[in-house]
Amino acid sequence: MIFVACGLLLLGTLFYVFYPERHIEEQHQKTRLEYLRERKDVLYDNLRDLNFEYRAGKYVQEDYAVQQAALEDEAAEVLAEIDLLEARSH
């Protein structure tokens, strides 16, 4: 009896997770500007996490500097593109 209940629960879960969405055309399509703003937020979170972990002693100075520079470079590119898109829209 427990196997039947577990099997039904498993089937229900798989159906819920993998059932295709019927109204895909009604879903909101992100604009490039929305995507970039989300990416900026993620990069800022990553920089905060990196600084916290460096202060906690999880990174050596060299690794921290390399990762920080890469994140800051990507953030600068994202911010530049956001500024460009916002200037075009106004």
N, C-alpha and C. Protein backbone atom coordinates (compact mmCIF):
# COMPACT_ATOMS: atom_id res chain seq x y z
N MET A 1 0.82 -1.19 0.00
CA MET A 1 0.00 0.00 0.00
C MET A 1 0.86 1.26 0.00
N ILE A 2 1.95 1.22 0.76
CA ILE A 2 2.84 2.39 0.83
C ILE A 2 3.53 2.61 -0.52
N PHE A 3 3.83 1.51 -1.25
CA PHE A 3 4.47 1.63 -2.55
C PHE A 3 3.53 2.28 -3.56
N VAL A 4 2.26 1.96 -3.48
CA VAL A 4 1.27 2.56 -4.38
C VAL A 4 1.17 4.05 -4.09
N ALA A 5 1.12 4.43 -2.81
CA ALA A 5 1.04 5.84 -2.44
C ALA A 5 2.28 6.60 -2.89
N CYS A 6 3.45 6.00 -2.70
CA CYS A 6 4.69 6.64 -3.14
C CYS A 6 4.73 6.76 -4.66
N GLY A 7 4.27 5.73 -5.35
CA GLY A 7 4.23 5.77 -6.81
C GLY A 7 3.30 6.86 -7.32
N LEU A 8 2.14 6.99 -6.71
CA LEU A 8 1.20 8.04 -7.11
C LEU A 8 1.77 9.43 -6.82
N LEU A 9 2.42 9.57 -5.69
CA LEU A 9 3.05 10.83 -5.35
C LEU A 9 4.16 11.16 -6.35
N LEU A 10 4.94 10.17 -6.71
CA LEU A 10 6.01 10.37 -7.69
C LEU A 10 5.43 10.77 -9.04
N LEU A 11 4.40 10.07 -9.50
CA LEU A 11 3.79 10.41 -10.78
C LEU A 11 3.18 11.81 -10.76
N GLY A 12 2.53 12.15 -9.67
CA GLY A 12 1.96 13.49 -9.55
C GLY A 12 3.02 14.57 -9.59
N THR A 13 4.13 14.33 -8.92
CA THR A 13 5.23 15.29 -8.91
C THR A 13 5.84 15.44 -10.29
N LEU A 14 6.10 14.32 -10.96
CA LEU A 14 6.67 14.37 -12.31
C LEU A 14 5.72 15.06 -13.28
N PHE A 15 4.43 14.80 -13.16
CA PHE A 15 3.45 15.45 -14.01
C PHE A 15 3.47 16.96 -13.78
N TYR A 16 3.52 17.38 -12.53
CA TYR A 16 3.52 18.80 -12.20
C TYR A 16 4.78 19.49 -12.72
N VAL A 17 5.92 18.84 -12.59
CA VAL A 17 7.18 19.45 -12.98
C VAL A 17 7.35 19.50 -14.49
N PHE A 18 6.99 18.43 -15.20
CA PHE A 18 7.30 18.33 -16.61
C PHE A 18 6.12 18.56 -17.55
N TYR A 19 4.94 18.86 -17.03
CA TYR A 19 3.80 19.09 -17.91
C TYR A 19 4.02 20.39 -18.68
N PRO A 20 3.91 20.34 -20.00
CA PRO A 20 4.19 21.55 -20.79
C PRO A 20 3.16 22.65 -20.54
N GLU A 21 3.65 23.85 -20.58
CA GLU A 21 2.79 25.02 -20.39
C GLU A 21 1.92 25.20 -21.63
N ARG A 22 0.63 25.36 -21.42
CA ARG A 22 -0.28 25.49 -22.56
C ARG A 22 -0.35 26.90 -23.11
N HIS A 23 -0.10 27.89 -22.29
CA HIS A 23 -0.27 29.27 -22.72
C HIS A 23 1.07 29.99 -22.76
N ILE A 24 1.97 29.46 -23.53
CA ILE A 24 3.32 30.03 -23.61
C ILE A 24 3.27 31.43 -24.20
N GLU A 25 2.41 31.65 -25.17
CA GLU A 25 2.35 32.96 -25.81
C GLU A 25 1.89 34.06 -24.86
N GLU A 26 1.24 33.71 -23.77
CA GLU A 26 0.78 34.70 -22.80
C GLU A 26 1.86 35.08 -21.80
N GLN A 27 2.95 34.36 -21.78
CA GLN A 27 4.02 34.65 -20.84
C GLN A 27 4.75 35.92 -21.27
N HIS A 28 5.21 36.65 -20.29
CA HIS A 28 5.92 37.90 -20.53
C HIS A 28 7.32 37.62 -21.06
N GLN A 29 7.66 38.22 -22.17
CA GLN A 29 9.00 38.11 -22.72
C GLN A 29 9.84 39.26 -22.18
N LYS A 30 10.97 38.94 -21.59
CA LYS A 30 11.84 39.96 -21.03
C LYS A 30 12.48 40.77 -22.14
N THR A 31 12.58 42.05 -21.89
CA THR A 31 13.33 42.90 -22.79
C THR A 31 14.80 42.81 -22.43
N ARG A 32 15.64 43.30 -23.29
CA ARG A 32 17.08 43.29 -23.03
C ARG A 32 17.38 44.13 -21.78
N LEU A 33 16.66 45.23 -21.60
CA LEU A 33 16.88 46.09 -20.45
C LEU A 33 16.51 45.39 -19.14
N GLU A 34 15.42 44.65 -19.14
CA GLU A 34 15.03 43.90 -17.94
C GLU A 34 16.07 42.83 -17.61
N TYR A 35 16.54 42.15 -18.65
CA TYR A 35 17.57 41.13 -18.44
C TYR A 35 18.83 41.75 -17.85
N LEU A 36 19.25 42.90 -18.39
CA LEU A 36 20.47 43.54 -17.91
C LEU A 36 20.34 44.02 -16.47
N ARG A 37 19.17 44.52 -16.11
CA ARG A 37 18.96 44.95 -14.72
C ARG A 37 19.03 43.76 -13.76
N GLU A 38 18.46 42.64 -14.17
CA GLU A 38 18.56 41.43 -13.34
C GLU A 38 20.01 40.97 -13.23
N ARG A 39 20.73 41.03 -14.35
CA ARG A 39 22.13 40.61 -14.36
C ARG A 39 22.96 41.52 -13.45
N LYS A 40 22.66 42.83 -13.48
CA LYS A 40 23.37 43.78 -12.61
C LYS A 40 23.16 43.42 -11.14
N ASP A 41 21.92 43.10 -10.78
CA ASP A 41 21.63 42.72 -9.39
C ASP A 41 22.41 41.46 -8.99
N VAL A 42 22.47 40.50 -9.90
CA VAL A 42 23.22 39.26 -9.62
C VAL A 42 24.71 39.56 -9.45
N LEU A 43 25.25 40.41 -10.30
CA LEU A 43 26.67 40.75 -10.19
C LEU A 43 26.97 41.47 -8.88
N TYR A 44 26.11 42.39 -8.47
CA TYR A 44 26.31 43.09 -7.20
C TYR A 44 26.25 42.11 -6.03
N ASP A 45 25.30 41.17 -6.09
CA ASP A 45 25.23 40.15 -5.04
C ASP A 45 26.50 39.31 -5.00
N ASN A 46 27.00 38.95 -6.18
CA ASN A 46 28.22 38.15 -6.24
C ASN A 46 29.42 38.92 -5.67
N LEU A 47 29.48 40.22 -5.96
CA LEU A 47 30.57 41.03 -5.40
C LEU A 47 30.47 41.12 -3.88
N ARG A 48 29.26 41.29 -3.36
CA ARG A 48 29.07 41.32 -1.91
C ARG A 48 29.49 39.99 -1.28
N ASP A 49 29.08 38.90 -1.90
CA ASP A 49 29.45 37.57 -1.39
C ASP A 49 30.95 37.36 -1.44
N LEU A 50 31.56 37.78 -2.54
CA LEU A 50 33.01 37.62 -2.68
C LEU A 50 33.74 38.41 -1.59
N ASN A 51 33.32 39.64 -1.34
CA ASN A 51 33.96 40.45 -0.29
C ASN A 51 33.78 39.81 1.08
N PHE A 52 32.58 39.31 1.34
CA PHE A 52 32.33 38.66 2.62
C PHE A 52 33.21 37.43 2.80
N GLU A 53 33.29 36.61 1.77
CA GLU A 53 34.08 35.39 1.85
C GLU A 53 35.58 35.70 1.96
N TYR A 54 36.02 36.77 1.29
CA TYR A 54 37.43 37.17 1.41
C TYR A 54 37.74 37.60 2.84
N ARG A 55 36.85 38.39 3.42
CA ARG A 55 37.06 38.82 4.81
C ARG A 55 37.00 37.65 5.78
N ALA A 56 36.26 36.62 5.42
CA ALA A 56 36.16 35.44 6.27
C ALA A 56 37.38 34.52 6.11
N GLY A 57 38.24 34.85 5.17
CA GLY A 57 39.47 34.09 4.99
C GLY A 57 39.35 32.92 4.04
N LYS A 58 38.34 32.90 3.20
CA LYS A 58 38.16 31.78 2.28
C LYS A 58 38.96 31.94 0.99
N TYR A 59 39.44 33.15 0.72
CA TYR A 59 40.20 33.40 -0.51
C TYR A 59 41.55 34.01 -0.16
N VAL A 60 42.55 33.67 -0.94
CA VAL A 60 43.83 34.36 -0.83
C VAL A 60 43.73 35.64 -1.66
N GLN A 61 44.62 36.56 -1.41
CA GLN A 61 44.57 37.88 -2.04
C GLN A 61 44.57 37.80 -3.57
N GLU A 62 45.38 36.92 -4.13
CA GLU A 62 45.50 36.83 -5.59
C GLU A 62 44.18 36.36 -6.22
N ASP A 63 43.59 35.31 -5.66
CA ASP A 63 42.33 34.79 -6.19
C ASP A 63 41.21 35.82 -6.04
N TYR A 64 41.20 36.48 -4.91
CA TYR A 64 40.18 37.51 -4.66
C TYR A 64 40.30 38.63 -5.68
N ALA A 65 41.51 39.08 -5.93
CA ALA A 65 41.72 40.19 -6.88
C ALA A 65 41.29 39.81 -8.29
N VAL A 66 41.59 38.59 -8.70
CA VAL A 66 41.21 38.14 -10.05
C VAL A 66 39.70 38.07 -10.18
N GLN A 67 39.04 37.46 -9.20
CA GLN A 67 37.58 37.33 -9.27
C GLN A 67 36.89 38.68 -9.14
N GLN A 68 37.40 39.54 -8.29
CA GLN A 68 36.81 40.86 -8.13
C GLN A 68 36.94 41.66 -9.43
N ALA A 69 38.09 41.61 -10.06
CA ALA A 69 38.30 42.34 -11.31
C ALA A 69 37.36 41.82 -12.40
N ALA A 70 37.18 40.51 -12.48
CA ALA A 70 36.29 39.95 -13.50
C ALA A 70 34.85 40.37 -13.26
N LEU A 71 34.41 40.33 -12.02
CA LEU A 71 33.04 40.74 -11.71
C LEU A 71 32.83 42.23 -11.95
N GLU A 72 33.80 43.04 -11.58
CA GLU A 72 33.68 44.48 -11.79
C GLU A 72 33.70 44.83 -13.27
N ASP A 73 34.50 44.13 -14.06
CA ASP A 73 34.52 44.36 -15.51
C ASP A 73 33.17 44.03 -16.13
N GLU A 74 32.62 42.89 -15.74
CA GLU A 74 31.32 42.50 -16.28
C GLU A 74 30.23 43.48 -15.84
N ALA A 75 30.29 43.92 -14.59
CA ALA A 75 29.31 44.89 -14.10
C ALA A 75 29.42 46.20 -14.86
N ALA A 76 30.62 46.63 -15.16
CA ALA A 76 30.82 47.86 -15.92
C ALA A 76 30.23 47.74 -17.32
N GLU A 77 30.41 46.59 -17.96
CA GLU A 77 29.84 46.37 -19.28
C GLU A 77 28.32 46.39 -19.24
N VAL A 78 27.76 45.77 -18.23
CA VAL A 78 26.30 45.73 -18.08
C VAL A 78 25.76 47.13 -17.84
N LEU A 79 26.41 47.88 -16.96
CA LEU A 79 25.96 49.24 -16.68
C LEU A 79 26.06 50.14 -17.91
N ALA A 80 27.11 49.98 -18.68
CA ALA A 80 27.26 50.77 -19.90
C ALA A 80 26.14 50.46 -20.89
N GLU A 81 25.80 49.19 -21.03
CA GLU A 81 24.73 48.83 -21.95
C GLU A 81 23.37 49.31 -21.43
N ILE A 82 23.16 49.25 -20.11
CA ILE A 82 21.92 49.77 -19.54
C ILE A 82 21.80 51.26 -19.83
N ASP A 83 22.88 52.01 -19.63
CA ASP A 83 22.86 53.44 -19.90
C ASP A 83 22.57 53.72 -21.37
N LEU A 84 23.15 52.94 -22.25
CA LEU A 84 22.92 53.12 -23.68
C LEU A 84 21.47 52.86 -24.04
N LEU A 85 20.90 51.78 -23.54
CA LEU A 85 19.50 51.44 -23.84
C LEU A 85 18.55 52.47 -23.24
N GLU A 86 18.84 52.95 -22.04
CA GLU A 86 17.97 53.95 -21.43
C GLU A 86 18.05 55.28 -22.18
N ALA A 87 19.23 55.62 -22.67
CA ALA A 87 19.38 56.87 -23.44
C ALA A 87 18.61 56.78 -24.76
N ARG A 88 18.60 55.61 -25.37
CA ARG A 88 17.85 55.44 -26.63
C ARG A 88 16.35 55.53 -26.43
N SER A 89 15.88 55.06 -25.25
CA SER A 89 14.45 55.01 -25.02
C SER A 89 13.89 56.38 -24.61
N HIS A 90 14.76 57.31 -24.21
CA HIS A 90 14.26 58.63 -23.78
C HIS A 90 14.40 59.61 -24.87
